[in-house]
Protein backbone atom coordinates (compact mmCIF):
# COMPACT_ATOMS: atom_id res chain seq x y z
CA MET A 1 17.44 142.85 133.80
CA LYS A 2 14.74 142.55 136.30
CA LYS A 3 15.60 143.06 140.14
CA ILE A 4 14.43 140.36 142.44
CA MET A 5 13.05 140.92 146.07
CA LEU A 6 14.70 138.10 148.73
CA LYS A 7 14.11 138.53 152.77
CA ALA A 8 17.17 138.05 155.00
CA ASP A 9 17.85 138.14 158.54
CA VAL A 10 21.19 138.80 160.44
CA ARG A 11 22.93 135.81 161.27
CA LYS A 12 23.85 136.13 164.88
CA GLU A 13 25.48 132.41 165.48
CA ILE A 14 28.99 131.86 163.56
CA GLY A 15 30.09 128.50 162.64
CA LYS A 16 30.35 125.18 161.19
CA LYS A 17 27.99 123.59 163.77
CA SER A 18 25.73 126.66 163.41
CA GLY A 19 25.22 126.50 159.46
CA SER A 20 24.25 122.85 159.85
CA LYS A 21 21.89 123.44 162.16
CA LEU A 22 20.80 126.10 159.89
CA ARG A 23 20.19 124.08 156.85
CA LYS A 24 18.61 121.21 158.96
CA ASP A 25 16.00 124.08 160.09
CA GLY A 26 15.12 124.86 156.01
CA LYS A 27 17.55 127.75 156.31
CA ILE A 28 20.70 128.65 154.54
CA PRO A 29 23.48 130.52 155.55
CA GLY A 30 25.27 133.68 153.87
CA ILE A 31 27.01 136.91 153.63
CA LEU A 32 26.80 140.17 152.46
CA TYR A 33 30.16 141.99 151.58
CA GLY A 34 31.38 144.90 149.42
CA HIS A 35 31.59 148.78 148.67
CA LYS A 36 34.52 148.62 151.74
CA LYS A 37 31.54 148.24 154.35
CA ASP A 38 31.65 145.37 156.95
CA PRO A 39 30.50 142.14 156.15
CA ILE A 40 26.96 141.17 157.36
CA PRO A 41 26.27 137.21 157.97
CA LEU A 42 22.83 136.56 156.99
CA VAL A 43 19.97 133.77 157.18
CA LEU A 44 17.84 133.20 153.99
CA ASP A 45 15.04 130.96 153.79
CA LYS A 46 15.80 127.88 151.87
CA HIS A 47 12.57 127.53 149.78
CA ASP A 48 12.65 131.30 148.46
CA VAL A 49 16.28 130.79 147.56
CA TRP A 50 15.60 127.57 145.62
CA GLU A 51 12.50 129.54 143.92
CA ILE A 52 14.43 132.07 142.56
CA LEU A 53 17.59 129.99 141.35
CA HIS A 54 14.99 127.40 139.79
CA ASN A 55 13.27 130.32 137.85
CA ALA A 56 16.12 132.40 136.77
CA GLU A 57 16.89 132.85 133.38
CA THR A 58 20.86 134.09 133.80
CA GLU A 59 23.45 133.64 135.97
CA ASN A 60 23.49 137.37 137.06
CA LEU A 61 20.84 137.82 139.62
CA ILE A 62 20.50 141.18 141.24
CA ILE A 63 18.69 140.88 144.12
CA ASN A 64 16.77 143.49 146.47
CA LEU A 65 17.80 142.23 149.86
CA GLU A 66 15.36 143.08 152.80
CA ILE A 67 17.40 142.65 155.75
CA GLU A 68 15.70 142.94 159.05
CA GLY A 69 16.89 146.16 161.00
CA VAL A 70 19.76 146.80 158.07
CA ASP A 71 19.18 150.17 155.55
CA LEU A 72 20.92 149.09 152.24
CA ALA A 73 19.28 152.87 150.59
CA ASP A 74 19.81 152.64 147.17
CA ILE A 75 22.27 149.50 147.00
CA VAL A 76 21.01 146.60 145.42
CA THR A 77 22.85 143.15 145.45
CA ILE A 78 24.66 140.53 142.91
CA VAL A 79 24.96 136.92 143.50
CA LYS A 80 28.62 136.36 143.54
CA ASP A 81 29.20 132.90 144.57
CA ILE A 82 26.88 129.91 145.10
CA GLN A 83 28.18 126.85 147.24
CA GLN A 84 26.41 123.59 146.71
CA HIS A 85 27.52 120.24 148.26
CA PRO A 86 29.15 118.19 145.41
CA VAL A 87 27.07 115.34 145.67
CA THR A 88 23.49 116.07 146.97
CA GLY A 89 23.84 119.31 145.21
CA ASP A 90 22.07 121.34 147.95
CA ILE A 91 22.96 124.93 148.72
CA LEU A 92 25.50 125.22 151.40
CA HIS A 93 25.93 129.12 151.45
CA LEU A 94 25.58 132.38 149.19
CA ASP A 95 27.59 135.27 148.85
CA PHE A 96 25.93 138.52 148.04
CA MET A 97 28.04 141.64 146.90
CA ARG A 98 26.50 145.10 147.41
CA VAL A 99 26.31 147.22 143.87
CA ALA A 100 25.20 150.64 143.30
CA MET A 101 22.99 150.71 140.08
CA ASP A 102 24.91 153.24 138.61
CA GLU A 103 28.06 151.38 139.23
CA MET A 104 30.10 149.87 136.42
CA ILE A 105 30.72 146.27 137.10
CA ASP A 106 32.79 143.45 135.84
CA VAL A 107 29.98 140.19 135.33
CA ASN A 108 30.48 137.06 133.32
CA VAL A 109 27.42 136.46 130.57
CA PRO A 110 26.70 133.30 128.97
CA VAL A 111 27.17 133.04 125.14
CA ARG A 112 24.18 131.54 123.10
CA ILE A 113 24.76 130.17 119.86
CA ILE A 114 21.33 131.12 117.68
CA GLY A 115 21.00 129.31 114.09
CA VAL A 116 22.58 126.70 112.60
CA ALA A 117 25.79 127.15 110.25
CA LYS A 118 25.24 126.38 106.76
CA GLY A 119 28.81 124.82 106.83
CA VAL A 120 27.29 122.44 109.32
CA ALA A 121 23.95 122.18 107.07
CA VAL A 122 25.05 121.74 103.75
CA ASP A 123 28.48 120.90 103.44
CA GLY A 124 28.92 118.67 107.03
CA GLY A 125 31.29 120.79 108.99
CA ILE A 126 31.69 120.64 112.52
CA LEU A 127 30.78 123.62 114.60
CA PHE A 128 33.08 124.30 117.62
CA HIS A 129 31.87 126.42 120.41
CA SER A 130 34.52 126.64 123.09
CA ILE A 131 33.91 129.71 124.72
CA ARG A 132 30.79 129.94 127.13
CA GLN A 133 30.75 133.16 128.84
CA ILE A 134 31.86 136.67 128.01
CA THR A 135 33.12 138.98 130.44
CA ILE A 136 31.71 142.46 130.26
CA ASN A 137 31.58 145.78 132.53
CA SER A 138 28.45 147.09 132.83
CA LYS A 139 25.86 148.81 134.95
CA PRO A 140 23.49 146.05 137.13
CA SER A 141 20.54 147.56 135.16
CA GLU A 142 22.16 146.97 131.92
CA ILE A 143 23.81 143.39 132.29
CA PRO A 144 22.41 141.10 129.20
CA GLU A 145 20.55 137.85 130.36
CA PHE A 146 22.79 136.47 127.40
CA ILE A 147 25.18 137.41 124.66
CA ASN A 148 23.74 135.79 121.34
CA ILE A 149 25.90 134.79 118.59
CA ASP A 150 24.33 134.00 115.14
CA VAL A 151 26.18 131.58 113.17
CA SER A 152 23.72 131.07 110.27
CA ASP A 153 26.15 132.70 107.64
CA LEU A 154 29.08 130.54 108.38
CA SER A 155 30.66 128.58 106.23
CA VAL A 156 33.35 125.59 106.62
CA GLY A 157 36.60 127.60 107.80
CA ASP A 158 34.31 130.54 108.70
CA THR A 159 34.74 132.25 112.27
CA ILE A 160 33.68 134.43 114.48
CA HIS A 161 35.62 136.36 117.08
CA ILE A 162 33.95 138.81 120.01
CA SER A 163 35.29 141.79 117.87
CA ASP A 164 32.91 140.74 115.23
CA ILE A 165 29.91 141.26 117.52
CA VAL A 166 30.63 144.37 119.08
CA LYS A 167 29.02 146.53 116.49
CA ASP A 168 26.03 144.49 118.03
CA TYR A 169 26.62 145.23 121.29
CA LYS A 170 27.46 148.95 120.79
CA ASP A 171 26.09 149.91 124.70
CA ILE A 172 28.37 147.13 126.12
CA ASN A 173 32.12 147.43 127.38
CA PHE A 174 33.67 144.14 126.51
CA VAL A 175 36.63 143.04 128.98
CA SER A 176 37.36 139.92 127.47
CA ASP A 177 40.44 139.79 124.42
CA LEU A 178 38.43 140.71 121.05
CA ASP A 179 40.52 138.25 119.42
CA ILE A 180 38.97 135.24 121.20
CA THR A 181 37.29 132.82 119.10
CA LEU A 182 33.24 132.57 119.85
CA ALA A 183 32.97 129.80 117.09
CA HIS A 184 34.51 128.06 114.18
CA VAL A 185 33.05 125.72 111.54
CA ALA A 186 35.42 123.10 110.37
CA ALA A 187 35.73 120.99 107.92
CA PRO A 188 34.93 117.04 108.49
CA LYS A 189 38.16 115.01 108.23
CA GLU A 190 37.45 113.90 104.34
CA LEU A 191 37.29 117.47 103.22
CA GLU A 192 40.46 118.21 105.16
CA LEU A 193 42.38 116.69 102.75
CA THR A 194 44.67 118.23 100.85
CA GLU A 195 45.24 117.11 96.98
CA GLU A 196 48.49 115.56 97.90
CA GLU A 197 47.04 113.46 100.87
CA VAL A 198 44.48 112.45 98.59
CA GLU A 199 46.76 111.32 95.83
CA LYS A 200 48.93 109.71 98.27
CA GLU A 201 46.08 107.73 99.80
CA GLU A 202 44.85 106.38 96.41
CA ILE A 203 48.82 105.34 95.62
CA ALA A 204 49.16 103.81 98.93
CA ALA A 205 46.01 101.79 98.44
CA ALA A 206 46.98 100.74 94.69
CA GLU A 207 49.92 99.57 96.09
CA GLU A 208 48.21 97.70 98.64
CA ALA A 209 45.82 95.97 96.09
CA ALA A 210 48.91 95.44 93.72
CA VAL A 211 50.40 93.38 96.87
CA GLU A 212 47.64 91.41 97.73
CA GLY A 213 46.92 90.62 94.32
CA ALA A 214 50.72 89.19 93.82
CA GLU A 215 50.19 86.80 97.05
CA GLU A 216 47.02 85.68 95.64
CA GLY A 217 48.81 84.89 92.46
CA ALA A 218 51.53 83.07 94.25
CA GLU A 219 49.42 81.29 96.56
CA GLU A 220 47.22 80.18 93.19
CA ALA A 221 50.70 79.20 91.04
CA LYS A 222 52.07 76.93 94.59
CA LYS A 223 48.39 75.65 94.81
CA LYS A 224 48.26 74.62 90.69
CA GLY A 225 52.16 73.59 91.43
CA ALA A 226 51.43 71.27 94.27
CA GLU A 227 48.13 69.47 92.12
CA GLY A 228 50.55 68.81 89.06
CA GLY A 229 53.23 66.98 91.25
CA GLU A 230 50.36 64.71 92.73
CA LYS A 231 48.83 63.99 89.19
CA GLU A 232 52.79 63.10 87.67
CA GLN A 233 53.05 60.93 90.70
CA GLY A 234 50.08 59.24 90.36
CA GLU A 235 50.44 58.75 86.57
CA GLU A 236 54.09 57.17 87.15
CA GLY A 237 52.32 54.82 89.89
CA SER A 238 49.74 53.65 87.40
């Protein structure tokens, strides 16, 4: 994973009013913490931050912070949290965590589905993909942008668990439970019916048709009976 350069200044004023003023001036407040060192409040350029986030191909951004007057030596940072306005989406605050390039850290990596399951394309099944990210333990430089899940060979009823993809990612330590389901192809409703359920539905349909037929017959007989009575009355009166 490539490292991204980002310039920052140490924030001198702290507080809600100070943060609002910074945002009005095109700046974003932030903080750097970790490695049992004192946190450093930061000021970042809004344009620089938006450009990085807009072009990001992954959620795990490894940032080389250049802070005026601060020597980070061989330490890089990872974006730990992005606070955004719930309505406008504007970035309100950024959290950066110190990490060493040889340090093993836990991160969440997005899951990406590859291919079209044959159980969907051929049999009309439904692909369920409920897990959107997997937690792994890795060095910053070895964090993958995505965990790819190839579902092409899945038939109706087939499932892929994390344990099924471990062999494809031998250099990754998976923290998430290996029994977690990543993808599953379920049958459409009509294919899920058992033979007994199908038989019951057919019997119920036949009984319903028989009842409707009997009701129609009774109604027709009643109608004919009424017509016959009227005819007899007409003949008696003539």
